[in-house]
Amino acid sequence: MQVLSLLWGILTIVGMVVGFFPCLGSLNWLNIPFAGVGIIVSGIALAAAGNSTKSCGIAGLVCCIVALFFGIIRLALGGGVF
């Protein structure tokens, strides 16, 4: 579950970077819910980890939060939200 969390985080970061290109900003409408689901998956992975290492889960959680934050900012600046 930890590796899935990390992979999900990497995919959201890649989607965020692609969404920053001109004319591809609407990809953020797909990436923001994807990052939200990634946050949930990362939370479950961290809760299920117990006392084992949690580095992959934390990295996935941070990637999803960063992608969510910058995706919302990109949509707000581009006029896609308001």
Protein backbone atom coordinates (compact mmCIF):
# COMPACT_ATOMS: atom_id res chain seq x y z
CA MET A 1 0.00 0.00 0.00
CA GLN A 2 2.95 2.30 0.69
CA VAL A 3 4.32 1.82 -2.82
CA LEU A 4 0.88 2.47 -4.31
CA SER A 5 0.73 5.70 -2.34
CA LEU A 6 4.12 6.78 -3.66
CA LEU A 7 3.23 5.84 -7.24
CA TRP A 8 -0.04 7.78 -6.95
CA GLY A 9 1.86 10.81 -5.69
CA ILE A 10 4.33 10.66 -8.56
CA LEU A 11 1.48 10.44 -11.07
CA THR A 12 -0.22 13.48 -9.55
CA ILE A 13 3.01 15.49 -9.73
CA VAL A 14 3.44 14.52 -13.39
CA GLY A 15 -0.18 15.54 -14.08
CA MET A 16 0.40 18.83 -12.32
CA VAL A 17 3.51 19.59 -14.38
CA VAL A 18 1.67 18.78 -17.63
CA GLY A 19 -1.22 20.97 -16.47
CA PHE A 20 1.13 23.96 -16.24
CA PHE A 21 1.73 23.95 -20.01
CA PRO A 22 -0.34 26.45 -21.98
CA CYS A 23 -3.59 25.04 -23.40
CA LEU A 24 -3.36 22.00 -21.09
CA GLY A 25 -4.53 23.72 -17.91
CA SER A 26 -7.86 21.93 -18.04
CA LEU A 27 -5.99 18.75 -17.11
CA ASN A 28 -6.06 20.13 -13.57
CA TRP A 29 -9.79 19.41 -13.46
CA LEU A 30 -8.85 15.72 -13.66
CA ASN A 31 -5.71 15.96 -11.57
CA ILE A 32 -7.31 17.62 -8.53
CA PRO A 33 -9.78 14.76 -7.80
CA PHE A 34 -7.00 12.27 -8.59
CA ALA A 35 -4.81 13.98 -5.96
CA GLY A 36 -7.70 13.95 -3.49
CA VAL A 37 -8.09 10.20 -3.88
CA GLY A 38 -4.31 9.91 -3.51
CA ILE A 39 -4.49 11.73 -0.18
CA ILE A 40 -7.09 9.23 1.01
CA VAL A 41 -5.02 6.26 -0.20
CA SER A 42 -1.92 7.69 1.48
CA GLY A 43 -3.80 8.17 4.74
CA ILE A 44 -4.98 4.57 4.65
CA ALA A 45 -1.45 3.39 3.87
CA LEU A 46 -0.04 5.35 6.80
CA ALA A 47 -2.72 4.04 9.15
CA ALA A 48 -2.15 0.44 8.06
CA ALA A 49 1.64 0.68 8.34
CA GLY A 50 1.69 0.38 12.12
CA ASN A 51 5.26 0.51 13.41
CA SER A 52 6.96 -0.21 10.08
CA THR A 53 8.65 2.43 7.96
CA LYS A 54 6.29 5.06 6.60
CA SER A 55 8.61 6.93 4.25
CA CYS A 56 6.86 5.93 1.00
CA GLY A 57 3.45 6.78 2.43
CA ILE A 58 4.60 10.17 3.66
CA ALA A 59 6.27 10.95 0.33
CA GLY A 60 3.09 10.01 -1.54
CA LEU A 61 0.99 12.13 0.80
CA VAL A 62 3.25 15.15 0.36
CA CYS A 63 3.25 14.77 -3.45
CA CYS A 64 -0.55 14.60 -3.54
CA ILE A 65 -0.95 17.63 -1.28
CA VAL A 66 1.51 19.66 -3.37
CA ALA A 67 -0.24 18.66 -6.61
CA LEU A 68 -3.64 19.52 -5.14
CA PHE A 69 -2.46 22.90 -3.87
CA PHE A 70 -0.71 23.98 -7.07
CA GLY A 71 -3.52 22.61 -9.24
CA ILE A 72 -6.07 24.76 -7.43
CA ILE A 73 -3.77 27.80 -7.67
CA ARG A 74 -3.25 27.17 -11.40
CA LEU A 75 -7.00 26.96 -12.00
CA ALA A 76 -7.60 30.13 -9.97
CA LEU A 77 -4.95 32.08 -11.86
CA GLY A 78 -6.13 30.82 -15.22
CA GLY A 79 -9.75 31.73 -14.56
CA GLY A 80 -10.94 28.15 -14.38
CA VAL A 81 -12.40 28.34 -10.88
CA PHE A 82 -13.92 31.78 -10.38
